Amino acid sequence: MSREVRVRFAPSPTGPLHIGGVRTALYNYLIAKKLGGKFILRIEDTDKARYVKGAEEYIVETLDWLGLAPDESPQKGGNYGPYRQSERKNIYNEYVKQLINNGHAYYAFDAPEALEEMRTKRKQEGVHSPKYDQSVRMSMKNSLALSPDETQRLLKKGKNIVIRLKVPEIEQITFEDEVRGLIVFESNELDDKVLLKGDGMPTYHLANVVDDYLMKITHVIRGEEWLSSTGHHVLLYRAFGWHDNIPKFAHLPLILKPQGSGKLSKRDGAKFDFPVFPLDWSDQKENIVFAGFRELGFLPEAVLNFLAFLGWNPGSEKELFELKELEEAFDSKKITKSGAKFNYDKAKWYNQQFIIKKSNADLAALIYDKIQKKSGKKIEFKYLEEFCALMKERVMTLNEFWDEGFFFFTDSFEYDDKTISKKYKIENQIHFERLIRSFKKTKSWTASNIEHTIKSYITNNELSFGSIFPILRVFLSGVAKGPDLFSMMELLGKDETLNRMNRGLAHCVIISSKSIS
């Protein structure tokens, strides 16, 4: 009988969740759903020195925003908790003692100075990357090299005590990676990793193997930076006698800088002005706020779609997937080996497509609070729906609804005087005045009636569209661009349109008189 598929996303709360970590969470989630399994959130918080307050809450909020709900987590609970490693300390102590007793681990008492001296000596001997391994372990201060009595004395003294994995000599460690195929490590190339630190807390290597076993994890999907550690992890499974419970491994490709050289970092976001975090993050040490996709106006489904394609391809021409569609289409065999370039323009394109797909009512609900706050007045929801219909194909983010269409909510804007100087002719003043009088008489204020009135007037008076349309736009919004002119006038309403035309015309007259004088 095959085991239930169980995958885990196991971030460390040492800072904000990088967008690469979000992709790891997404791939874990998709594989779990595709195979009818469980998606577990585990917080790996054993590194107290690097712990950052608020980071765990940030991780949980990110998953919630994206709709990647864990089946088990510190918040939700489950049958295999606790789900924070800091709350599992006694469990690790129990298992590391097993390794000591069966000869697969040992106590080491080396002071930091002694470790540094060893590295310096090995470098002098021509070793490029000195390690604490079988070549030096018998010359160091550990329970393998010391007598039992001396070992006991040092254990009672309780200073500089760590527990290290005893890596076997001349042995091959192999496993099949779901993305990269057969991986082979030579044990002589591996160091004796620390399993339990001096403060009694486990390292990543011990804790993640023990937790994955106890939580019955079947698939370990993580970034390729952990590939080099997987040889040690397989050794630990063997040392514990858990040969039949070694999970399937899949090491994901890097997300690269936009130019393709090197791993994407938070510095790249600040340097090139794009987000590398899902949500805003305030770095207290550096006094910097790093912008997040959410606060910049991205839809969660667009971010998920964008991230899914950074290292995976469905093998078809289809580019837009809702989360449920991704769950059905996702196949770990189609994850690429090579790194994927972070393309912010593509991210915005995805966002634009999902904005267009959304109903006007849904969009209005998403931007309602922000528009109302920025305008400083109460906005009718129906008005906002009609505004979204008019603007949704002209924006790439939710924030751009205000940036590109703020004039629908306020008449406090500056006029584009360059366009006025170029397009406005003093002899056309009479035509704008006549249009205003015609509009006052219009009873049915619809886009089609407005269009008919303007175009008929232009044709009857042998004018060009270019002599009227750009300036009319400036009257209404301050600039000569925007959504459909006639729909815009309908939405603004008859009274507001006439007020803006009168005020705009007065401004044009002033600009013209200045240029003449």
Protein backbone atom coordinates (compact mmCIF):
# COMPACT_ATOMS: atom_id res chain seq x y z
CA MET A 1 0.00 0.00 0.00
CA SER A 2 1.46 3.39 -1.02
CA ARG A 3 1.87 6.07 1.62
CA GLU A 4 -0.20 9.23 1.69
CA VAL A 5 1.70 12.06 0.01
CA ARG A 6 2.87 14.59 2.60
CA VAL A 7 5.01 17.61 1.73
CA ARG A 8 6.29 20.42 3.91
CA PHE A 9 7.26 24.03 3.45
CA ALA A 10 9.81 24.72 6.17
CA PRO A 11 11.02 28.34 6.22
CA SER A 12 13.22 29.90 8.88
CA PRO A 13 11.89 33.10 10.51
CA THR A 14 15.16 34.96 10.00
CA GLY A 15 13.65 37.75 7.91
CA PRO A 16 11.00 38.32 5.24
CA LEU A 17 10.02 35.46 2.96
CA HIS A 18 11.88 35.95 -0.33
CA ILE A 19 9.94 35.43 -3.53
CA GLY A 20 12.06 32.32 -4.16
CA GLY A 21 10.75 30.90 -0.90
CA VAL A 22 7.21 31.67 -2.02
CA ARG A 23 7.81 29.67 -5.20
CA THR A 24 9.06 26.75 -3.07
CA ALA A 25 5.87 26.94 -1.02
CA LEU A 26 3.79 27.02 -4.20
CA TYR A 27 5.50 23.98 -5.76
CA ASN A 28 5.08 22.03 -2.51
CA TYR A 29 1.41 22.99 -2.37
CA LEU A 30 0.80 22.06 -6.02
CA ILE A 31 2.47 18.66 -5.70
CA ALA A 32 0.43 17.91 -2.56
CA LYS A 33 -2.84 18.85 -4.26
CA LYS A 34 -1.95 17.12 -7.52
CA LEU A 35 -1.26 13.85 -5.69
CA GLY A 36 -4.13 14.16 -3.22
CA GLY A 37 -1.81 14.71 -0.26
CA LYS A 38 -1.21 17.12 2.61
CA PHE A 39 0.66 20.44 2.63
CA ILE A 40 2.38 21.16 5.94
CA LEU A 41 3.87 24.41 7.23
CA ARG A 42 6.78 23.84 9.63
CA ILE A 43 8.70 26.73 11.17
CA GLU A 44 12.41 25.96 11.48
CA ASP A 45 13.34 28.42 14.22
CA THR A 46 16.33 26.79 15.88
CA ASP A 47 18.75 29.54 14.85
CA LYS A 48 18.06 31.93 17.72
CA ALA A 49 20.91 34.27 16.77
CA ARG A 50 19.27 35.07 13.43
CA TYR A 51 15.63 34.99 14.56
CA VAL A 52 13.70 38.12 13.51
CA LYS A 53 10.58 39.20 15.34
CA GLY A 54 7.51 39.21 13.13
CA ALA A 55 9.01 36.92 10.48
CA GLU A 56 6.79 33.94 11.30
CA GLU A 57 3.68 36.13 11.17
CA TYR A 58 4.89 37.44 7.81
CA ILE A 59 5.18 33.88 6.46
CA VAL A 60 1.69 32.97 7.65
CA GLU A 61 0.19 36.18 6.24
CA THR A 62 1.87 35.56 2.88
CA LEU A 63 0.46 32.05 2.53
CA ASP A 64 -2.96 33.34 3.57
CA TRP A 65 -2.88 36.14 0.98
CA LEU A 66 -1.87 33.72 -1.76
CA GLY A 67 -4.49 31.14 -0.82
CA LEU A 68 -1.90 28.43 -0.07
CA ALA A 69 -3.63 27.13 3.05
CA PRO A 70 -1.60 24.51 4.98
CA ASP A 71 -3.38 21.36 6.10
CA GLU A 72 -1.20 21.35 9.22
CA SER A 73 0.74 24.22 10.79
CA PRO A 74 1.62 25.89 14.10
CA GLN A 75 -1.60 27.88 13.80
CA LYS A 76 -3.88 25.09 12.60
CA GLY A 77 -2.33 22.20 14.51
CA GLY A 78 -2.34 18.57 13.39
CA ASN A 79 -1.43 15.05 14.46
CA TYR A 80 2.34 15.48 14.07
CA GLY A 81 3.08 18.65 16.03
CA PRO A 82 4.54 20.71 17.45
CA TYR A 83 5.17 22.46 14.12
CA ARG A 84 7.84 24.84 15.44
CA GLN A 85 11.25 23.24 15.82
CA SER A 86 12.02 25.31 18.91
CA GLU A 87 9.23 23.38 20.64
CA ARG A 88 10.68 19.99 19.68
CA LYS A 89 14.06 20.23 21.47
CA ASN A 90 13.52 17.14 23.66
CA ILE A 91 12.69 15.08 20.58
CA TYR A 92 16.03 15.89 18.93
CA ASN A 93 17.96 15.11 22.12
CA GLU A 94 16.37 11.67 22.20
CA TYR A 95 17.28 10.89 18.60
CA VAL A 96 20.81 12.25 18.69
CA LYS A 97 21.53 9.94 21.65
CA GLN A 98 20.59 7.05 19.39
CA LEU A 99 23.28 8.11 16.95
CA ILE A 100 25.83 8.38 19.76
CA ASN A 101 24.92 4.92 21.06
CA ASN A 102 25.07 3.23 17.67
CA GLY A 103 28.37 4.86 16.72
CA HIS A 104 27.10 7.18 14.00
CA ALA A 105 27.80 10.38 15.95
CA TYR A 106 30.28 11.61 18.52
CA TYR A 107 30.92 14.39 21.02
CA ALA A 108 33.36 17.14 20.03
CA PHE A 109 34.88 19.60 22.54
CA ASP A 110 37.00 21.77 20.23
CA ALA A 111 37.27 25.43 21.15
CA PRO A 112 36.77 27.95 18.31
CA GLU A 113 40.50 28.74 18.40
CA ALA A 114 41.36 25.07 17.87
CA LEU A 115 39.02 24.86 14.87
CA GLU A 116 40.58 27.93 13.32
CA GLU A 117 44.08 26.55 13.96
CA MET A 118 43.11 23.32 12.19
CA ARG A 119 41.82 25.19 9.15
CA THR A 120 44.94 27.34 8.93
CA LYS A 121 47.21 24.30 9.15
CA ARG A 122 45.27 22.42 6.47
CA LYS A 123 45.43 25.40 4.13
CA GLN A 124 49.19 25.52 4.63
CA GLU A 125 49.25 21.84 3.66
CA GLY A 126 47.55 22.74 0.39
CA VAL A 127 43.96 21.85 1.25
CA HIS A 128 41.75 24.39 -0.50
CA SER A 129 38.62 24.03 1.67
CA PRO A 130 39.58 22.52 5.05
CA LYS A 131 36.85 20.48 6.75
CA TYR A 132 36.31 18.70 10.03
CA ASP A 133 36.28 15.17 8.57
CA GLN A 134 37.86 11.74 8.78
CA SER A 135 41.25 13.19 7.80
CA VAL A 136 41.46 15.33 10.96
CA ARG A 137 38.95 13.95 13.46
CA MET A 138 41.46 11.74 15.31
CA SER A 139 43.76 14.74 15.90
CA MET A 140 40.95 16.87 17.34
CA LYS A 141 39.35 17.03 20.76
CA ASN A 142 36.44 14.59 20.52
CA SER A 143 35.13 11.37 21.99
CA LEU A 144 36.65 9.31 19.18
CA ALA A 145 40.17 10.53 19.90
CA LEU A 146 39.91 10.82 23.71
CA SER A 147 39.67 8.13 26.36
CA PRO A 148 36.24 7.35 27.84
CA ASP A 149 37.31 8.87 31.17
CA GLU A 150 38.45 12.12 29.56
CA THR A 151 35.27 12.25 27.50
CA GLN A 152 33.13 11.91 30.63
CA ARG A 153 35.15 14.59 32.40
CA LEU A 154 34.63 17.03 29.55
CA LEU A 155 30.93 16.20 29.34
CA LYS A 156 30.55 17.05 33.01
CA LYS A 157 32.50 20.26 32.48
CA GLY A 158 29.94 21.18 29.82
CA LYS A 159 31.98 23.58 27.70
CA ASN A 160 32.25 23.77 23.87
CA ILE A 161 30.23 20.57 23.47
CA VAL A 162 28.70 19.75 20.12
CA ILE A 163 27.64 16.47 18.57
CA ARG A 164 28.92 15.65 15.10
CA LEU A 165 27.86 13.11 12.50
CA LYS A 166 30.49 10.43 11.91
CA VAL A 167 30.65 10.26 8.13
CA PRO A 168 31.77 6.82 6.94
CA GLU A 169 34.93 6.48 4.88
CA ILE A 170 35.06 5.47 1.20
CA GLU A 171 31.36 5.12 0.61
CA GLN A 172 29.04 6.32 -2.15
CA ILE A 173 25.80 8.07 -1.24
CA THR A 174 23.32 8.05 -4.10
CA PHE A 175 19.74 9.16 -4.58
CA GLU A 176 17.44 9.99 -7.46
CA ASP A 177 16.47 13.65 -7.57
CA GLU A 178 13.08 14.30 -9.19
CA VAL A 179 14.51 17.29 -11.07
CA ARG A 180 18.21 16.48 -11.56
CA GLY A 181 18.28 12.72 -11.91
CA LEU A 182 20.88 10.50 -10.23
CA ILE A 183 23.02 12.32 -7.67
CA VAL A 184 26.21 10.73 -6.30
CA PHE A 185 28.28 11.89 -3.31
CA GLU A 186 31.60 10.41 -2.20
CA SER A 187 31.66 10.21 1.60
CA ASN A 188 35.32 11.27 1.69
CA GLU A 189 34.24 14.65 0.30
CA LEU A 190 31.77 15.26 3.14
CA ASP A 191 32.53 16.83 6.54
CA ASP A 192 31.35 15.65 9.93
CA LYS A 193 28.42 18.03 10.23
CA VAL A 194 27.44 19.39 13.62
CA LEU A 195 24.08 17.86 14.56
CA LEU A 196 23.55 19.39 17.99
CA LYS A 197 24.96 22.82 18.84
CA GLY A 198 26.50 23.96 22.09
CA ASP A 199 23.23 25.58 23.19
CA GLY A 200 21.46 22.24 22.91
CA MET A 201 19.57 23.21 19.77
CA PRO A 202 19.76 21.03 16.67
CA THR A 203 21.22 22.16 13.39
CA TYR A 204 19.11 22.13 10.25
CA HIS A 205 20.58 18.77 9.22
CA LEU A 206 19.43 16.84 12.29
CA ALA A 207 16.15 18.64 12.87
CA ASN A 208 14.84 18.47 9.33
CA VAL A 209 15.62 14.76 8.93
CA VAL A 210 14.07 13.81 12.29
CA ASP A 211 11.02 16.00 11.66
CA ASP A 212 10.53 14.75 8.11
CA TYR A 213 10.59 11.17 9.41
CA LEU A 214 8.26 11.78 12.33
CA MET A 215 5.88 13.89 10.22
CA LYS A 216 5.87 11.15 7.56
CA ILE A 217 7.07 13.50 4.80
CA THR A 218 7.16 11.70 1.45
CA HIS A 219 8.55 14.47 -0.79
CA VAL A 220 11.16 17.11 0.04
CA ILE A 221 10.89 19.97 -2.45
CA ARG A 222 13.38 22.77 -1.77
CA GLY A 223 15.87 25.14 -3.40
CA GLU A 224 18.99 23.84 -5.10
CA GLU A 225 21.18 25.46 -2.42
CA TRP A 226 20.27 22.45 -0.22
CA LEU A 227 21.41 19.89 -2.79
CA SER A 228 24.95 19.80 -1.39
CA SER A 229 23.58 18.91 2.07
CA THR A 230 21.40 16.06 0.89
CA GLY A 231 24.25 13.55 1.03
CA HIS A 232 24.44 14.13 4.79
CA HIS A 233 20.67 13.80 5.07
CA VAL A 234 20.62 10.45 3.28
CA LEU A 235 23.42 9.30 5.61
CA LEU A 236 21.30 10.30 8.60
CA TYR A 237 18.33 8.30 7.32
CA ARG A 238 20.63 5.29 7.01
CA ALA A 239 22.19 5.87 10.43
CA PHE A 240 18.75 5.85 12.04
CA GLY A 241 17.77 2.73 10.12
CA TRP A 242 15.06 4.55 8.19
CA HIS A 243 16.10 3.24 4.77
CA ASP A 244 12.50 2.65 3.65
CA ASN A 245 11.39 6.13 4.67
CA ILE A 246 13.83 8.27 2.71
CA PRO A 247 11.64 10.84 0.93
CA LYS A 248 11.77 11.70 -2.73
CA PHE A 249 13.92 14.78 -3.25
CA ALA A 250 13.35 17.59 -5.76
CA HIS A 251 15.80 20.50 -5.77
CA LEU A 252 14.40 23.53 -7.54
CA PRO A 253 16.36 25.80 -9.90
CA LEU A 254 17.47 29.24 -8.79
CA ILE A 255 15.52 32.38 -9.56
CA LEU A 256 18.10 34.55 -11.30
CA LYS A 257 18.64 38.29 -11.56
CA PRO A 258 16.86 39.89 -14.56
CA GLN A 259 20.08 39.91 -16.55
CA GLY A 260 20.56 36.23 -15.76
CA SER A 261 23.83 36.43 -13.81
CA GLY A 262 23.55 35.21 -10.24
CA LYS A 263 20.80 34.52 -7.75
CA LEU A 264 18.10 37.15 -7.26
CA SER A 265 18.56 39.02 -3.96
CA LYS A 266 16.68 41.66 -2.01
CA ARG A 267 19.36 44.14 -3.08
CA ASP A 268 18.37 43.62 -6.71
CA GLY A 269 14.84 44.74 -5.93
CA ALA A 270 16.09 47.96 -4.36
CA LYS A 271 18.61 48.50 -7.15
CA PHE A 272 16.28 47.90 -10.10
CA ASP A 273 13.04 49.09 -8.46
CA PHE A 274 10.95 45.93 -8.42
CA PRO A 275 9.64 43.77 -5.55
CA VAL A 276 11.38 40.58 -4.41
CA PHE A 277 9.08 40.05 -1.41
CA PRO A 278 5.38 39.11 -1.47
CA LEU A 279 4.37 41.74 1.12
CA ASP A 280 5.93 44.97 2.35
CA TRP A 281 8.73 44.37 4.85
CA SER A 282 10.14 47.01 7.17
CA ASP A 283 13.81 46.31 7.92
CA GLN A 284 14.38 47.90 11.33
CA LYS A 285 18.16 47.51 11.24
CA GLU A 286 18.59 49.26 7.91
CA ASN A 287 15.56 51.54 8.31
CA ILE A 288 14.31 50.53 4.86
CA VAL A 289 10.87 49.41 3.73
CA PHE A 290 11.12 46.80 0.99
CA ALA A 291 8.08 46.93 -1.29
CA GLY A 292 5.90 43.85 -1.63
CA PHE A 293 3.88 42.61 -4.58
CA ARG A 294 0.63 42.98 -2.62
CA GLU A 295 1.18 46.62 -1.69
CA LEU A 296 2.27 47.47 -5.24
CA GLY A 297 -1.14 46.35 -6.46
CA PHE A 298 -0.63 42.76 -7.59
CA LEU A 299 -3.37 40.14 -7.44
CA PRO A 300 -2.38 36.94 -5.62
CA GLU A 301 -3.45 34.76 -8.54
CA ALA A 302 -1.16 36.74 -10.86
CA VAL A 303 1.82 36.33 -8.51
CA LEU A 304 1.16 32.58 -8.30
CA ASN A 305 0.92 32.28 -12.07
CA PHE A 306 4.12 34.28 -12.54
CA LEU A 307 6.03 32.18 -9.97
CA ALA A 308 4.75 28.88 -11.33
CA PHE A 309 6.40 29.64 -14.66
CA LEU A 310 9.75 30.49 -13.03
CA GLY A 311 11.11 26.98 -13.37
CA TRP A 312 8.14 25.06 -14.80
CA ASN A 313 6.27 24.87 -18.06
CA PRO A 314 2.99 23.04 -18.71
CA GLY A 315 4.14 21.94 -22.15
CA SER A 316 1.36 23.87 -23.87
CA GLU A 317 0.65 27.39 -25.11
CA LYS A 318 -1.61 28.15 -22.16
CA GLU A 319 -0.19 30.91 -19.95
CA LEU A 320 -3.00 31.92 -17.61
CA PHE A 321 -3.89 29.50 -14.83
CA GLU A 322 -6.13 29.90 -11.82
CA LEU A 323 -4.81 28.09 -8.74
CA LYS A 324 -7.15 25.13 -9.26
CA GLU A 325 -5.96 24.83 -12.85
CA LEU A 326 -2.34 24.89 -11.69
CA GLU A 327 -3.12 22.08 -9.24
CA GLU A 328 -4.40 19.95 -12.11
CA ALA A 329 -1.68 20.83 -14.62
CA PHE A 330 1.39 20.81 -12.39
CA ASP A 331 3.88 18.00 -12.99
CA SER A 332 7.20 17.84 -11.11
CA LYS A 333 8.78 16.14 -14.13
CA LYS A 334 8.37 19.42 -16.03
CA ILE A 335 10.39 21.45 -13.52
CA THR A 336 13.48 22.74 -15.31
CA LYS A 337 17.07 22.26 -14.13
CA SER A 338 18.36 25.63 -15.26
CA GLY A 339 17.75 28.89 -13.41
CA ALA A 340 14.88 31.16 -14.41
CA LYS A 341 15.34 34.89 -14.99
CA PHE A 342 13.13 37.18 -12.92
CA ASN A 343 11.20 39.26 -15.46
CA TYR A 344 9.22 42.02 -13.75
CA ASP A 345 7.58 43.12 -17.00
CA LYS A 346 6.20 39.60 -17.36
CA ALA A 347 4.90 39.74 -13.79
CA LYS A 348 3.04 42.96 -14.63
CA TRP A 349 1.67 41.39 -17.81
CA TYR A 350 0.24 38.50 -15.80
CA ASN A 351 -1.29 40.97 -13.38
CA GLN A 352 -2.88 42.93 -16.19
CA GLN A 353 -4.45 39.78 -17.64
CA PHE A 354 -5.96 38.80 -14.29
CA ILE A 355 -7.25 42.32 -13.72
CA ILE A 356 -8.99 42.18 -17.10
CA LYS A 357 -10.49 38.77 -16.22
CA LYS A 358 -11.96 39.98 -12.93
CA SER A 359 -15.49 41.31 -12.69
CA ASN A 360 -15.94 45.04 -12.25
CA ALA A 361 -17.61 44.43 -8.90
CA ASP A 362 -14.66 42.35 -7.64
CA LEU A 363 -12.18 45.01 -8.76
CA ALA A 364 -14.25 47.77 -7.17
CA ALA A 365 -14.23 45.87 -3.88
CA LEU A 366 -10.44 45.48 -4.05
CA ILE A 367 -9.71 49.17 -4.62
CA TYR A 368 -12.63 50.73 -2.73
CA ASP A 369 -10.83 51.55 0.51
CA LYS A 370 -7.72 52.90 -1.20
CA ILE A 371 -9.67 55.11 -3.64
CA GLN A 372 -11.88 56.45 -0.87
CA LYS A 373 -8.87 57.22 1.32
CA LYS A 374 -6.96 58.97 -1.45
CA SER A 375 -9.94 60.98 -2.66
CA GLY A 376 -10.90 61.99 0.86
CA LYS A 377 -14.61 61.52 0.19
CA LYS A 378 -17.24 58.80 0.06
CA ILE A 379 -17.40 57.04 -3.31
CA GLU A 380 -20.54 55.31 -4.53
CA PHE A 381 -19.79 51.63 -5.21
CA LYS A 382 -21.77 51.67 -8.47
CA TYR A 383 -19.68 54.59 -9.69
CA LEU A 384 -16.52 52.66 -8.82
CA GLU A 385 -17.75 49.60 -10.76
CA GLU A 386 -18.31 51.73 -13.86
CA PHE A 387 -14.89 53.32 -13.36
CA CYS A 388 -13.27 49.85 -13.25
CA ALA A 389 -15.03 48.86 -16.48
CA LEU A 390 -13.58 51.93 -18.13
CA MET A 391 -10.03 51.55 -16.77
CA LYS A 392 -9.35 47.82 -16.32
CA GLU A 393 -7.70 47.35 -19.73
CA ARG A 394 -5.52 50.43 -19.24
CA VAL A 395 -3.79 49.45 -15.99
CA MET A 396 -1.25 46.79 -14.97
CA THR A 397 -1.65 46.99 -11.19
CA LEU A 398 -4.44 47.84 -8.77
CA ASN A 399 -2.50 50.95 -7.72
CA GLU A 400 -2.65 52.27 -11.26
CA PHE A 401 -6.42 52.61 -11.04
CA TRP A 402 -5.77 55.70 -8.93
CA ASP A 403 -2.54 56.74 -10.65
CA GLU A 404 -4.13 56.68 -14.10
CA GLY A 405 -7.68 57.66 -13.18
CA PHE A 406 -7.53 59.89 -10.10
CA PHE A 407 -9.30 62.68 -11.97
CA PHE A 408 -12.54 60.68 -11.80
CA PHE A 409 -12.59 61.33 -8.07
CA THR A 410 -11.22 64.85 -7.80
CA ASP A 411 -11.17 68.01 -9.90
CA SER A 412 -7.96 69.11 -8.20
CA PHE A 413 -5.38 68.53 -10.92
CA GLU A 414 -2.87 70.50 -12.95
CA TYR A 415 -3.33 71.11 -16.65
CA ASP A 416 -0.85 69.91 -19.24
CA ASP A 417 0.11 73.38 -20.48
CA LYS A 418 2.47 71.95 -23.11
CA THR A 419 -0.46 70.26 -24.83
CA ILE A 420 -2.54 73.41 -24.47
CA SER A 421 0.19 75.55 -26.05
CA LYS A 422 0.49 73.09 -28.91
CA LYS A 423 -3.13 72.16 -29.54
CA TYR A 424 -5.31 75.04 -28.35
CA LYS A 425 -6.13 77.74 -30.89
CA ILE A 426 -7.70 80.98 -29.69
CA GLU A 427 -10.08 80.94 -32.67
CA ASN A 428 -11.54 77.66 -31.36
CA GLN A 429 -12.77 79.27 -28.14
CA ILE A 430 -16.12 79.97 -29.75
CA HIS A 431 -16.51 76.31 -30.69
CA PHE A 432 -15.94 75.10 -27.13
CA GLU A 433 -18.42 77.67 -25.86
CA ARG A 434 -21.01 76.43 -28.36
CA LEU A 435 -20.35 72.80 -27.36
CA ILE A 436 -20.95 73.74 -23.74
CA ARG A 437 -24.29 75.30 -24.71
CA SER A 438 -25.21 72.19 -26.71
CA PHE A 439 -24.37 69.93 -23.78
CA LYS A 440 -26.54 71.98 -21.46
CA LYS A 441 -29.50 71.15 -23.68
CA THR A 442 -28.68 67.41 -23.83
CA LYS A 443 -31.31 65.47 -21.91
CA SER A 444 -29.99 61.91 -22.30
CA TRP A 445 -26.41 62.02 -20.98
CA THR A 446 -25.01 58.84 -22.53
CA ALA A 447 -21.72 58.19 -24.27
CA SER A 448 -23.44 57.62 -27.61
CA ASN A 449 -25.41 60.89 -27.42
CA ILE A 450 -22.32 62.82 -26.35
CA GLU A 451 -20.32 61.31 -29.21
CA HIS A 452 -23.05 62.18 -31.71
CA THR A 453 -23.23 65.78 -30.46
CA ILE A 454 -19.46 66.37 -30.65
CA LYS A 455 -18.83 64.64 -33.97
CA SER A 456 -21.82 66.31 -35.63
CA TYR A 457 -20.62 69.72 -34.48
CA ILE A 458 -17.07 69.04 -35.75
CA THR A 459 -18.35 67.88 -39.14
CA ASN A 460 -20.88 70.70 -39.55
CA ASN A 461 -18.24 73.33 -38.75
CA GLU A 462 -15.53 71.72 -40.91
CA LEU A 463 -13.20 71.25 -37.95
CA SER A 464 -10.68 68.47 -37.36
CA PHE A 465 -11.02 65.98 -34.52
CA GLY A 466 -7.48 66.94 -33.48
CA SER A 467 -8.52 70.52 -32.84
CA ILE A 468 -11.19 69.49 -30.31
CA PHE A 469 -10.55 66.06 -28.76
CA PRO A 470 -7.11 66.61 -27.12
CA ILE A 471 -8.15 69.91 -25.54
CA LEU A 472 -11.46 68.49 -24.39
CA ARG A 473 -9.54 65.72 -22.64
CA VAL A 474 -7.31 68.30 -20.94
CA PHE A 475 -10.44 70.11 -19.72
CA LEU A 476 -11.70 66.92 -18.09
CA SER A 477 -8.53 65.34 -16.69
CA GLY A 478 -5.64 67.75 -17.09
CA VAL A 479 -3.92 65.54 -19.70
CA ALA A 480 -4.54 64.57 -23.31
CA LYS A 481 -4.70 60.83 -22.73
CA GLY A 482 -7.03 58.46 -20.93
CA PRO A 483 -9.94 56.09 -21.49
CA ASP A 484 -12.65 56.50 -24.11
CA LEU A 485 -13.51 60.22 -24.12
CA PHE A 486 -17.27 59.85 -24.42
CA SER A 487 -17.56 57.10 -21.78
CA MET A 488 -15.41 59.25 -19.55
CA MET A 489 -17.81 62.18 -19.94
CA GLU A 490 -20.80 59.97 -19.26
CA LEU A 491 -19.24 58.63 -16.04
CA LEU A 492 -18.26 62.10 -14.81
CA GLY A 493 -21.83 63.19 -15.33
CA LYS A 494 -23.33 66.20 -17.10
CA ASP A 495 -22.85 68.79 -14.37
CA GLU A 496 -19.27 67.81 -13.57
CA THR A 497 -18.35 67.69 -17.26
CA LEU A 498 -19.75 71.19 -17.85
CA ASN A 499 -17.99 72.56 -14.77
CA ARG A 500 -14.66 71.13 -15.94
CA MET A 501 -15.15 72.40 -19.48
CA ASN A 502 -15.84 75.92 -18.24
CA ARG A 503 -12.88 75.88 -15.88
CA GLY A 504 -10.57 74.33 -18.48
CA LEU A 505 -11.59 76.80 -21.14
CA ALA A 506 -10.89 79.70 -18.78
CA HIS A 507 -7.44 78.27 -18.12
CA CYS A 508 -6.74 77.93 -21.86
CA VAL A 509 -7.76 81.54 -22.44
CA ILE A 510 -5.28 82.66 -19.77
CA ILE A 511 -2.48 80.53 -21.27
CA SER A 512 -3.20 81.88 -24.76
CA SER A 513 -3.26 85.50 -23.58
CA LYS A 514 0.12 85.04 -21.89
CA SER A 515 1.68 83.62 -25.03
CA ILE A 516 0.29 86.49 -27.16
CA SER A 517 1.56 89.16 -24.79
